[in-house]
Amino acid sequence: MSKVFFCSDTHFAHARIIQYCNRPFRDVLEMNNKLIENWNSVVSKDDVVYHLGDFHLGSHRGAQYFMDSLNFKFLHLVKGNHDKSFCEWYKRNNPQNCMLHDSYLETKIEGHDFTLCHYAMRVFNKSHHGAYHLYGHSHGTLEDDPNSLSFDVGVDCHNYTPISLEQVKDIMSRKKFKPVDKHKGVDDDCS
C-alpha cells in the first residue's frame, strides 16, 4: 500500500545552499548523494510525494537525473522560487508520474484538508476548520507557531529527509490549535 510523504527545499545541484543554510556537507556532490539516500531510505517506489518547491537548481538534464534517482510512484511538485529548470524539464518531458502545480495547492489527503504552499501563511482556506498547512522556503528560520496547524516541511528541518503523513499527523496532534480566523456567523460559500 502506498504512503504519502512531504518535503521541500531539497535544492538538488545548488552548491551555494550549503553555505546559505549551513548544511553539513563538504560539497554539492555529497549533498546530492545524501539527499537521494535519505529520500530513498523512507520513500518506496509505490509512494506519493508532495514536494513543496525548490526541488533542483541547474539544467533540465539535471532534473531528469534526480527524477530517475528518487523513489516514488507519483510526485506532486508545488512550484518554488528556484524551480525554473524543473519547469523547463517538465514542459519538455510531460512525465506521467509527476504533476507540476503553482506555488499553492489545496487538496484532501485521507479525508483531511491540506493547503500546500512553498510559502508560509498565517491563515489559509479552512484554517478555522482545522485544515493543515505545510510549507517550505524558510529553511527552518521561522519560529513554529504551537497554536497553528502549520509547519515547515523543508529538508533542513527534518534531517534532510521527507516526512510521512503519519509524522505530519503526529506533529499536528501536539499543537494547541487556536484559530486566528474564526469566521463567526459567516457562510463559507460566497456564491
N, C-alpha and C. Protein backbone atom coordinates (compact mmCIF):
# COMPACT_ATOMS: atom_id res chain seq x y z
N MET A 1 0.85 -1.19 0.00
CA MET A 1 0.00 0.00 0.00
C MET A 1 0.88 1.24 0.00
N SER A 2 0.51 2.21 -0.82
CA SER A 2 1.36 3.40 -0.93
C SER A 2 1.16 4.32 0.28
N LYS A 3 2.24 5.01 0.61
CA LYS A 3 2.24 6.00 1.68
C LYS A 3 2.40 7.38 1.06
N VAL A 4 2.15 8.40 1.87
CA VAL A 4 2.27 9.79 1.42
C VAL A 4 3.39 10.45 2.21
N PHE A 5 4.24 11.20 1.49
CA PHE A 5 5.35 11.92 2.10
C PHE A 5 5.35 13.38 1.65
N PHE A 6 6.01 14.22 2.46
CA PHE A 6 6.11 15.64 2.18
C PHE A 6 7.55 16.10 2.39
N CYS A 7 7.97 17.04 1.59
CA CYS A 7 9.26 17.69 1.81
C CYS A 7 9.29 18.98 1.00
N SER A 8 10.36 19.71 1.18
CA SER A 8 10.56 20.95 0.44
C SER A 8 12.04 21.29 0.46
N ASP A 9 12.43 22.12 -0.48
CA ASP A 9 13.75 22.75 -0.48
C ASP A 9 14.92 21.77 -0.49
N THR A 10 14.82 20.74 -1.32
CA THR A 10 15.98 19.87 -1.48
C THR A 10 17.13 20.63 -2.13
N HIS A 11 16.82 21.52 -3.06
CA HIS A 11 17.84 22.30 -3.76
C HIS A 11 18.92 21.41 -4.35
N PHE A 12 18.51 20.30 -4.99
CA PHE A 12 19.49 19.45 -5.65
C PHE A 12 20.36 20.29 -6.59
N ALA A 13 21.66 20.02 -6.61
CA ALA A 13 22.64 20.66 -7.50
C ALA A 13 22.88 22.14 -7.20
N HIS A 14 22.41 22.63 -6.08
CA HIS A 14 22.59 24.03 -5.72
C HIS A 14 23.73 24.14 -4.70
N ALA A 15 24.93 24.37 -5.18
CA ALA A 15 26.12 24.37 -4.32
C ALA A 15 26.05 25.43 -3.23
N ARG A 16 25.55 26.59 -3.55
CA ARG A 16 25.56 27.69 -2.57
C ARG A 16 24.60 27.48 -1.40
N ILE A 17 23.62 26.60 -1.58
CA ILE A 17 22.66 26.37 -0.48
C ILE A 17 23.37 25.78 0.74
N ILE A 18 24.49 25.09 0.52
CA ILE A 18 25.26 24.53 1.63
C ILE A 18 25.72 25.65 2.56
N GLN A 19 26.24 26.71 1.98
CA GLN A 19 26.70 27.87 2.76
C GLN A 19 25.51 28.67 3.30
N TYR A 20 24.53 28.95 2.44
CA TYR A 20 23.40 29.79 2.84
C TYR A 20 22.67 29.20 4.05
N CYS A 21 22.52 27.89 4.08
CA CYS A 21 21.74 27.24 5.13
C CYS A 21 22.60 26.43 6.10
N ASN A 22 23.89 26.60 5.98
CA ASN A 22 24.81 25.90 6.89
C ASN A 22 24.56 24.39 6.90
N ARG A 23 24.39 23.83 5.70
CA ARG A 23 24.16 22.39 5.58
C ARG A 23 25.48 21.64 5.84
N PRO A 24 25.41 20.48 6.47
CA PRO A 24 26.62 19.77 6.92
C PRO A 24 27.27 18.90 5.83
N PHE A 25 27.48 19.48 4.65
CA PHE A 25 28.05 18.72 3.55
C PHE A 25 29.30 19.42 3.02
N ARG A 26 30.30 18.63 2.61
CA ARG A 26 31.56 19.18 2.07
C ARG A 26 31.33 19.90 0.76
N ASP A 27 30.49 19.30 -0.09
CA ASP A 27 30.27 19.85 -1.42
C ASP A 27 28.90 19.41 -1.94
N VAL A 28 28.57 19.89 -3.14
CA VAL A 28 27.25 19.63 -3.70
C VAL A 28 27.06 18.15 -4.05
N LEU A 29 28.12 17.47 -4.44
CA LEU A 29 28.00 16.04 -4.74
C LEU A 29 27.63 15.24 -3.49
N GLU A 30 28.31 15.54 -2.38
CA GLU A 30 27.97 14.86 -1.13
C GLU A 30 26.53 15.17 -0.72
N MET A 31 26.12 16.43 -0.86
CA MET A 31 24.75 16.81 -0.51
C MET A 31 23.74 16.06 -1.39
N ASN A 32 23.94 16.07 -2.70
CA ASN A 32 23.02 15.37 -3.60
C ASN A 32 22.90 13.90 -3.24
N ASN A 33 24.04 13.26 -3.02
CA ASN A 33 24.05 11.83 -2.70
C ASN A 33 23.33 11.55 -1.38
N LYS A 34 23.55 12.38 -0.38
CA LYS A 34 22.90 12.18 0.92
C LYS A 34 21.39 12.43 0.83
N LEU A 35 20.99 13.46 0.09
CA LEU A 35 19.57 13.72 -0.08
C LEU A 35 18.87 12.57 -0.79
N ILE A 36 19.50 12.03 -1.81
CA ILE A 36 18.93 10.88 -2.53
C ILE A 36 18.87 9.67 -1.60
N GLU A 37 19.95 9.41 -0.88
CA GLU A 37 19.99 8.27 0.05
C GLU A 37 18.90 8.39 1.12
N ASN A 38 18.78 9.58 1.71
CA ASN A 38 17.77 9.79 2.75
C ASN A 38 16.35 9.63 2.20
N TRP A 39 16.10 10.22 1.04
CA TRP A 39 14.79 10.12 0.39
C TRP A 39 14.45 8.65 0.18
N ASN A 40 15.36 7.92 -0.46
CA ASN A 40 15.10 6.52 -0.81
C ASN A 40 15.07 5.59 0.41
N SER A 41 15.59 6.05 1.54
CA SER A 41 15.53 5.24 2.75
C SER A 41 14.13 5.22 3.36
N VAL A 42 13.28 6.21 3.04
CA VAL A 42 11.93 6.25 3.60
C VAL A 42 10.84 6.13 2.54
N VAL A 43 11.09 6.59 1.33
CA VAL A 43 10.10 6.59 0.25
C VAL A 43 10.33 5.37 -0.63
N SER A 44 9.26 4.60 -0.89
CA SER A 44 9.37 3.44 -1.78
C SER A 44 8.90 3.82 -3.18
N LYS A 45 9.05 2.92 -4.10
CA LYS A 45 8.62 3.15 -5.49
C LYS A 45 7.09 3.13 -5.62
N ASP A 46 6.38 2.82 -4.53
CA ASP A 46 4.92 2.81 -4.53
C ASP A 46 4.31 4.03 -3.85
N ASP A 47 5.13 4.96 -3.41
CA ASP A 47 4.65 6.08 -2.58
C ASP A 47 4.42 7.36 -3.38
N VAL A 48 3.62 8.24 -2.79
CA VAL A 48 3.31 9.54 -3.36
C VAL A 48 4.05 10.60 -2.54
N VAL A 49 4.70 11.53 -3.23
CA VAL A 49 5.45 12.59 -2.56
C VAL A 49 4.92 13.94 -3.00
N TYR A 50 4.68 14.81 -2.02
CA TYR A 50 4.36 16.21 -2.27
C TYR A 50 5.61 17.00 -1.93
N HIS A 51 6.24 17.56 -2.95
CA HIS A 51 7.45 18.37 -2.77
C HIS A 51 7.02 19.82 -2.91
N LEU A 52 7.26 20.63 -1.87
CA LEU A 52 6.71 21.98 -1.84
C LEU A 52 7.71 23.04 -2.31
N GLY A 53 8.42 22.73 -3.35
CA GLY A 53 9.21 23.73 -4.05
C GLY A 53 10.70 23.69 -3.80
N ASP A 54 11.40 24.31 -4.75
CA ASP A 54 12.86 24.37 -4.77
C ASP A 54 13.46 22.97 -4.80
N PHE A 55 13.02 22.22 -5.79
CA PHE A 55 13.47 20.85 -5.99
C PHE A 55 14.93 20.81 -6.44
N HIS A 56 15.26 21.63 -7.43
CA HIS A 56 16.53 21.47 -8.12
C HIS A 56 16.95 22.80 -8.73
N LEU A 57 18.23 23.03 -8.78
CA LEU A 57 18.76 24.22 -9.45
C LEU A 57 19.79 23.74 -10.45
N GLY A 58 19.62 24.09 -11.69
CA GLY A 58 20.56 23.64 -12.71
C GLY A 58 19.86 23.38 -14.02
N SER A 59 20.43 22.52 -14.83
CA SER A 59 19.89 22.26 -16.17
C SER A 59 18.67 21.33 -16.10
N HIS A 60 17.89 21.35 -17.16
CA HIS A 60 16.75 20.43 -17.22
C HIS A 60 17.23 18.98 -17.29
N ARG A 61 18.45 18.75 -17.83
CA ARG A 61 19.00 17.39 -17.84
C ARG A 61 19.29 16.93 -16.41
N GLY A 62 19.72 17.85 -15.56
CA GLY A 62 19.94 17.52 -14.16
C GLY A 62 18.65 17.11 -13.48
N ALA A 63 17.57 17.77 -13.82
CA ALA A 63 16.27 17.41 -13.24
C ALA A 63 15.93 15.97 -13.58
N GLN A 64 16.23 15.55 -14.81
CA GLN A 64 15.96 14.17 -15.21
C GLN A 64 16.76 13.19 -14.36
N TYR A 65 18.02 13.51 -14.09
CA TYR A 65 18.86 12.64 -13.27
C TYR A 65 18.23 12.42 -11.89
N PHE A 66 17.79 13.51 -11.25
CA PHE A 66 17.22 13.39 -9.91
C PHE A 66 15.87 12.66 -9.95
N MET A 67 15.07 12.92 -10.97
CA MET A 67 13.80 12.20 -11.10
C MET A 67 14.04 10.70 -11.25
N ASP A 68 15.08 10.33 -11.99
CA ASP A 68 15.40 8.91 -12.18
C ASP A 68 16.01 8.28 -10.94
N SER A 69 16.63 9.08 -10.07
CA SER A 69 17.35 8.56 -8.90
C SER A 69 16.46 8.38 -7.67
N LEU A 70 15.31 9.03 -7.65
CA LEU A 70 14.47 9.05 -6.45
C LEU A 70 13.33 8.05 -6.54
N ASN A 71 13.03 7.41 -5.43
CA ASN A 71 11.87 6.52 -5.33
C ASN A 71 10.60 7.34 -5.22
N PHE A 72 9.58 6.96 -5.96
CA PHE A 72 8.21 7.46 -5.81
C PHE A 72 7.38 6.85 -6.92
N LYS A 73 6.08 6.75 -6.67
CA LYS A 73 5.15 6.34 -7.72
C LYS A 73 4.62 7.58 -8.43
N PHE A 74 4.35 8.62 -7.62
CA PHE A 74 3.86 9.88 -8.18
C PHE A 74 4.42 11.03 -7.37
N LEU A 75 4.88 12.06 -8.07
CA LEU A 75 5.44 13.25 -7.43
C LEU A 75 4.58 14.46 -7.78
N HIS A 76 4.09 15.15 -6.74
CA HIS A 76 3.43 16.44 -6.91
C HIS A 76 4.47 17.49 -6.55
N LEU A 77 4.80 18.37 -7.49
CA LEU A 77 5.73 19.45 -7.18
C LEU A 77 4.97 20.77 -7.16
N VAL A 78 4.90 21.38 -5.98
CA VAL A 78 4.33 22.71 -5.82
C VAL A 78 5.49 23.67 -6.06
N LYS A 79 5.36 24.49 -7.08
CA LYS A 79 6.46 25.31 -7.56
C LYS A 79 7.01 26.26 -6.50
N GLY A 80 8.34 26.30 -6.42
CA GLY A 80 9.04 27.25 -5.56
C GLY A 80 9.75 28.30 -6.40
N ASN A 81 10.42 29.21 -5.76
CA ASN A 81 11.08 30.30 -6.48
C ASN A 81 12.35 29.87 -7.21
N HIS A 82 12.85 28.66 -6.98
CA HIS A 82 14.05 28.17 -7.67
C HIS A 82 13.73 26.98 -8.59
N ASP A 83 12.54 26.90 -9.14
CA ASP A 83 12.15 25.74 -9.93
C ASP A 83 12.07 25.98 -11.43
N LYS A 84 12.77 27.00 -11.93
CA LYS A 84 12.74 27.30 -13.37
C LYS A 84 13.22 26.11 -14.21
N SER A 85 14.35 25.51 -13.84
CA SER A 85 14.88 24.40 -14.65
C SER A 85 13.96 23.18 -14.56
N PHE A 86 13.34 22.95 -13.39
CA PHE A 86 12.41 21.84 -13.29
C PHE A 86 11.19 22.09 -14.18
N CYS A 87 10.71 23.32 -14.20
CA CYS A 87 9.56 23.66 -15.05
C CYS A 87 9.90 23.43 -16.52
N GLU A 88 11.12 23.79 -16.94
CA GLU A 88 11.55 23.54 -18.32
C GLU A 88 11.59 22.04 -18.60
N TRP A 89 12.15 21.29 -17.67
CA TRP A 89 12.20 19.83 -17.84
C TRP A 89 10.79 19.26 -17.95
N TYR A 90 9.89 19.72 -17.09
CA TYR A 90 8.51 19.23 -17.06
C TYR A 90 7.82 19.49 -18.40
N LYS A 91 7.97 20.70 -18.95
CA LYS A 91 7.33 21.05 -20.22
C LYS A 91 7.87 20.20 -21.37
N ARG A 92 9.16 19.90 -21.35
CA ARG A 92 9.78 19.11 -22.42
C ARG A 92 9.40 17.63 -22.34
N ASN A 93 9.21 17.12 -21.13
CA ASN A 93 9.05 15.68 -20.94
C ASN A 93 7.63 15.22 -20.68
N ASN A 94 6.78 16.12 -20.18
CA ASN A 94 5.39 15.77 -19.86
C ASN A 94 5.31 14.41 -19.16
N PRO A 95 5.96 14.27 -18.01
CA PRO A 95 6.02 12.96 -17.33
C PRO A 95 4.65 12.51 -16.82
N GLN A 96 4.40 11.21 -16.91
CA GLN A 96 3.13 10.65 -16.46
C GLN A 96 3.10 10.42 -14.95
N ASN A 97 4.27 10.44 -14.31
CA ASN A 97 4.35 10.17 -12.87
C ASN A 97 4.62 11.43 -12.05
N CYS A 98 4.26 12.58 -12.63
CA CYS A 98 4.55 13.85 -11.95
C CYS A 98 3.52 14.90 -12.36
N MET A 99 3.16 15.75 -11.41
CA MET A 99 2.25 16.86 -11.68
C MET A 99 2.89 18.13 -11.12
N LEU A 100 3.01 19.14 -11.95
CA LEU A 100 3.55 20.43 -11.54
C LEU A 100 2.38 21.35 -11.18
N HIS A 101 2.43 21.92 -9.99
CA HIS A 101 1.38 22.83 -9.51
C HIS A 101 1.98 24.22 -9.32
N ASP A 102 1.13 25.24 -9.34
CA ASP A 102 1.60 26.57 -8.98
C ASP A 102 2.08 26.54 -7.53
N SER A 103 2.47 27.66 -6.98
CA SER A 103 3.06 27.67 -5.64
C SER A 103 2.03 27.45 -4.52
N TYR A 104 0.80 27.11 -4.88
CA TYR A 104 -0.28 26.91 -3.90
C TYR A 104 -1.16 25.76 -4.37
N LEU A 105 -1.45 24.82 -3.46
CA LEU A 105 -2.30 23.68 -3.80
C LEU A 105 -3.19 23.35 -2.61
N GLU A 106 -4.49 23.29 -2.86
CA GLU A 106 -5.44 22.78 -1.85
C GLU A 106 -5.83 21.38 -2.27
N THR A 107 -5.78 20.44 -1.32
CA THR A 107 -6.11 19.06 -1.63
C THR A 107 -6.62 18.35 -0.38
N LYS A 108 -7.25 17.22 -0.58
CA LYS A 108 -7.64 16.33 0.53
C LYS A 108 -6.75 15.11 0.47
N ILE A 109 -6.21 14.73 1.61
CA ILE A 109 -5.39 13.53 1.71
C ILE A 109 -5.96 12.72 2.87
N GLU A 110 -6.39 11.52 2.55
CA GLU A 110 -7.04 10.64 3.53
C GLU A 110 -8.14 11.38 4.30
N GLY A 111 -8.93 12.16 3.56
CA GLY A 111 -10.09 12.84 4.13
C GLY A 111 -9.80 14.13 4.88
N HIS A 112 -8.53 14.54 4.95
CA HIS A 112 -8.18 15.76 5.68
C HIS A 112 -7.79 16.86 4.69
N ASP A 113 -8.24 18.09 4.96
CA ASP A 113 -7.92 19.23 4.10
C ASP A 113 -6.49 19.70 4.33
N PHE A 114 -5.77 19.91 3.23
CA PHE A 114 -4.40 20.40 3.26
C PHE A 114 -4.28 21.62 2.36
N THR A 115 -3.54 22.61 2.82
CA THR A 115 -3.09 23.71 1.99
C THR A 115 -1.58 23.57 1.91
N LEU A 116 -1.09 23.32 0.72
CA LEU A 116 0.33 23.09 0.48
C LEU A 116 0.86 24.27 -0.32
N CYS A 117 1.91 24.90 0.18
CA CYS A 117 2.43 26.09 -0.47
C CYS A 117 3.92 26.17 -0.23
N HIS A 118 4.63 26.75 -1.17
CA HIS A 118 6.06 26.95 -0.95
C HIS A 118 6.28 27.96 0.17
N TYR A 119 5.34 28.86 0.37
CA TYR A 119 5.47 29.95 1.34
C TYR A 119 4.54 29.76 2.54
N ALA A 120 4.98 30.24 3.68
CA ALA A 120 4.20 30.15 4.92
C ALA A 120 3.08 31.19 4.92
N MET A 121 1.94 30.81 5.52
CA MET A 121 0.80 31.71 5.66
C MET A 121 0.27 31.63 7.09
N ARG A 122 -0.24 32.73 7.60
CA ARG A 122 -0.85 32.71 8.93
C ARG A 122 -2.27 32.18 8.89
N VAL A 123 -3.01 32.54 7.86
CA VAL A 123 -4.35 31.99 7.66
C VAL A 123 -4.42 31.43 6.25
N PHE A 124 -5.27 30.45 6.07
CA PHE A 124 -5.40 29.77 4.78
C PHE A 124 -6.80 29.18 4.74
N ASN A 125 -7.22 28.75 3.58
CA ASN A 125 -8.57 28.23 3.43
C ASN A 125 -8.82 27.08 4.42
N LYS A 126 -9.92 27.20 5.14
CA LYS A 126 -10.36 26.21 6.13
C LYS A 126 -9.44 26.11 7.34
N SER A 127 -8.57 27.10 7.53
CA SER A 127 -7.70 27.07 8.71
C SER A 127 -8.53 27.11 9.99
N HIS A 128 -9.66 27.79 9.95
CA HIS A 128 -10.54 27.87 11.12
C HIS A 128 -11.32 26.58 11.34
N HIS A 129 -11.22 25.64 10.38
CA HIS A 129 -11.88 24.33 10.50
C HIS A 129 -10.88 23.20 10.72
N GLY A 130 -9.62 23.53 10.99
CA GLY A 130 -8.64 22.50 11.29
C GLY A 130 -7.86 21.95 10.11
N ALA A 131 -7.90 22.65 8.96
CA ALA A 131 -7.08 22.22 7.83
C ALA A 131 -5.61 22.35 8.19
N TYR A 132 -4.79 21.55 7.56
CA TYR A 132 -3.34 21.61 7.76
C TYR A 132 -2.69 22.46 6.66
N HIS A 133 -1.68 23.21 7.05
CA HIS A 133 -0.89 23.99 6.09
C HIS A 133 0.58 23.57 6.22
N LEU A 134 1.14 23.07 5.14
CA LEU A 134 2.55 22.70 5.09
C LEU A 134 3.23 23.62 4.11
N TYR A 135 4.46 24.02 4.44
CA TYR A 135 5.18 24.98 3.61
C TYR A 135 6.67 24.69 3.65
N GLY A 136 7.40 25.45 2.86
CA GLY A 136 8.86 25.37 2.81
C GLY A 136 9.45 26.77 2.79
N HIS A 137 10.41 26.99 1.92
CA HIS A 137 11.04 28.27 1.63
C HIS A 137 11.90 28.85 2.75
N SER A 138 11.49 28.72 3.98
CA SER A 138 12.17 29.42 5.08
C SER A 138 13.33 28.64 5.67
N HIS A 139 13.51 27.39 5.28
CA HIS A 139 14.66 26.58 5.73
C HIS A 139 14.80 26.56 7.26
N GLY A 140 13.67 26.50 7.94
CA GLY A 140 13.68 26.39 9.39
C GLY A 140 13.94 27.68 10.13
N THR A 141 13.92 28.83 9.45
CA THR A 141 14.21 30.10 10.12
C THR A 141 12.98 30.74 10.75
N LEU A 142 11.78 30.28 10.40
CA LEU A 142 10.57 30.81 11.03
C LEU A 142 10.30 30.03 12.31
N GLU A 143 9.98 30.73 13.37
CA GLU A 143 9.64 30.06 14.61
C GLU A 143 8.30 29.34 14.44
N ASP A 144 8.23 28.09 14.87
CA ASP A 144 7.00 27.33 14.75
C ASP A 144 5.94 27.90 15.69
N ASP A 145 4.72 28.02 15.19
CA ASP A 145 3.60 28.50 15.99
C ASP A 145 2.88 27.29 16.59
N PRO A 146 2.95 27.10 17.91
CA PRO A 146 2.33 25.92 18.52
C PRO A 146 0.80 25.96 18.49
N ASN A 147 0.22 27.10 18.11
CA ASN A 147 -1.23 27.23 18.06
C ASN A 147 -1.79 27.11 16.64
N SER A 148 -0.92 26.95 15.66
CA SER A 148 -1.35 26.88 14.26
C SER A 148 -1.09 25.49 13.70
N LEU A 149 -2.04 24.99 12.93
CA LEU A 149 -1.88 23.68 12.31
C LEU A 149 -1.08 23.82 11.02
N SER A 150 0.12 24.35 11.17
CA SER A 150 1.02 24.53 10.04
C SER A 150 2.46 24.37 10.51
N PHE A 151 3.32 23.95 9.58
CA PHE A 151 4.76 23.91 9.88
C PHE A 151 5.56 23.70 8.60
N ASP A 152 6.86 23.93 8.74
CA ASP A 152 7.83 23.86 7.66
C ASP A 152 8.24 22.40 7.42
N VAL A 153 8.01 21.89 6.21
CA VAL A 153 8.41 20.52 5.88
C VAL A 153 9.72 20.48 5.09
N GLY A 154 10.44 21.60 5.08
CA GLY A 154 11.71 21.64 4.37
C GLY A 154 12.70 20.64 4.94
N VAL A 155 13.55 20.11 4.06
CA VAL A 155 14.50 19.09 4.49
C VAL A 155 15.47 19.59 5.56
N ASP A 156 15.72 20.89 5.60
CA ASP A 156 16.60 21.44 6.62
C ASP A 156 16.02 21.27 8.03
N CYS A 157 14.73 21.08 8.13
CA CYS A 157 14.05 20.93 9.42
C CYS A 157 13.88 19.47 9.83
N HIS A 158 14.10 18.55 8.91
CA HIS A 158 13.76 17.14 9.17
C HIS A 158 14.90 16.21 8.74
N ASN A 159 16.09 16.53 9.18
CA ASN A 159 17.26 15.68 8.94
C ASN A 159 17.46 15.35 7.46
N TYR A 160 17.13 16.32 6.59
CA TYR A 160 17.34 16.19 5.15
C TYR A 160 16.61 14.98 4.56
N THR A 161 15.39 14.75 5.08
CA THR A 161 14.60 13.57 4.71
C THR A 161 13.13 13.96 4.58
N PRO A 162 12.42 13.42 3.58
CA PRO A 162 10.97 13.64 3.54
C PRO A 162 10.31 13.07 4.79
N ILE A 163 9.16 13.64 5.17
CA ILE A 163 8.43 13.13 6.33
C ILE A 163 7.09 12.54 5.87
N SER A 164 6.63 11.55 6.60
CA SER A 164 5.42 10.83 6.22
C SER A 164 4.16 11.56 6.69
N LEU A 165 3.04 11.17 6.12
CA LEU A 165 1.74 11.68 6.56
C LEU A 165 1.54 11.38 8.04
N GLU A 166 1.97 10.21 8.48
CA GLU A 166 1.84 9.84 9.90
C GLU A 166 2.65 10.80 10.78
N GLN A 167 3.84 11.18 10.33
CA GLN A 167 4.64 12.14 11.10
C GLN A 167 3.97 13.51 11.13
N VAL A 168 3.38 13.91 10.01
CA VAL A 168 2.65 15.18 9.97
C VAL A 168 1.51 15.15 10.98
N LYS A 169 0.72 14.09 10.98
CA LYS A 169 -0.40 13.97 11.92
C LYS A 169 0.09 14.00 13.37
N ASP A 170 1.21 13.34 13.64
CA ASP A 170 1.76 13.33 14.98
C ASP A 170 2.19 14.73 15.43
N ILE A 171 2.88 15.46 14.55
CA ILE A 171 3.31 16.83 14.87
C ILE A 171 2.09 17.71 15.11
N MET A 172 1.07 17.59 14.25
CA MET A 172 -0.14 18.42 14.40
C MET A 172 -0.89 18.06 15.67
N SER A 173 -0.88 16.80 16.08
CA SER A 173 -1.62 16.39 17.29
C SER A 173 -1.02 16.99 18.56
N ARG A 174 0.22 17.41 18.52
CA ARG A 174 0.87 18.00 19.69
C ARG A 174 0.70 19.52 19.76
N LYS A 175 0.03 20.09 18.77
CA LYS A 175 -0.19 21.54 18.75
C LYS A 175 -1.48 21.87 19.49
N LYS A 176 -1.55 23.06 20.04
CA LYS A 176 -2.75 23.56 20.73
C LYS A 176 -3.49 24.49 19.76
N PHE A 177 -4.32 23.90 18.92
CA PHE A 177 -4.99 24.62 17.84
C PHE A 177 -5.86 25.75 18.37
N LYS A 178 -5.53 26.98 17.96
CA LYS A 178 -6.33 28.18 18.26
C LYS A 178 -6.49 28.95 16.96
N PRO A 179 -7.65 28.83 16.31
CA PRO A 179 -7.81 29.50 15.02
C PRO A 179 -7.73 31.02 15.14
N VAL A 180 -7.01 31.62 14.21
CA VAL A 180 -6.89 33.07 14.14
C VAL A 180 -8.10 33.65 13.43
N ASP A 181 -8.53 32.96 12.37
CA ASP A 181 -9.60 33.43 11.50
C ASP A 181 -10.86 32.62 11.82
N LYS A 182 -11.72 33.14 12.69
CA LYS A 182 -12.83 32.35 13.21
C LYS A 182 -14.07 32.32 12.33
N HIS A 183 -14.29 33.31 11.48
CA HIS A 183 -15.44 33.36 10.60
C HIS A 183 -16.76 33.17 11.35
N LYS A 184 -16.92 33.76 12.50
CA LYS A 184 -18.17 33.58 13.27
C LYS A 184 -19.36 34.15 12.50
N GLY A 185 -20.31 33.25 12.28
CA GLY A 185 -21.54 33.67 11.63
C GLY A 185 -21.42 33.95 10.14
N VAL A 186 -20.31 33.60 9.54
CA VAL A 186 -20.10 33.87 8.12
C VAL A 186 -20.20 32.57 7.36
N ASP A 187 -21.02 32.58 6.31
CA ASP A 187 -21.15 31.40 5.44
C ASP A 187 -19.91 31.32 4.55
N ASP A 188 -19.29 30.14 4.48
CA ASP A 188 -18.09 29.96 3.66
C ASP A 188 -18.39 30.02 2.16
N ASP A 189 -19.63 29.82 1.78
CA ASP A 189 -19.99 29.83 0.37
C ASP A 189 -20.40 31.25 -0.03
N CYS A 190 -19.59 31.90 -0.86
CA CYS A 190 -19.84 33.28 -1.26
C CYS A 190 -20.72 33.39 -2.48
N SER A 191 -21.19 32.26 -3.02
CA SER A 191 -21.99 32.33 -4.26
C SER A 191 -23.39 32.77 -4.03
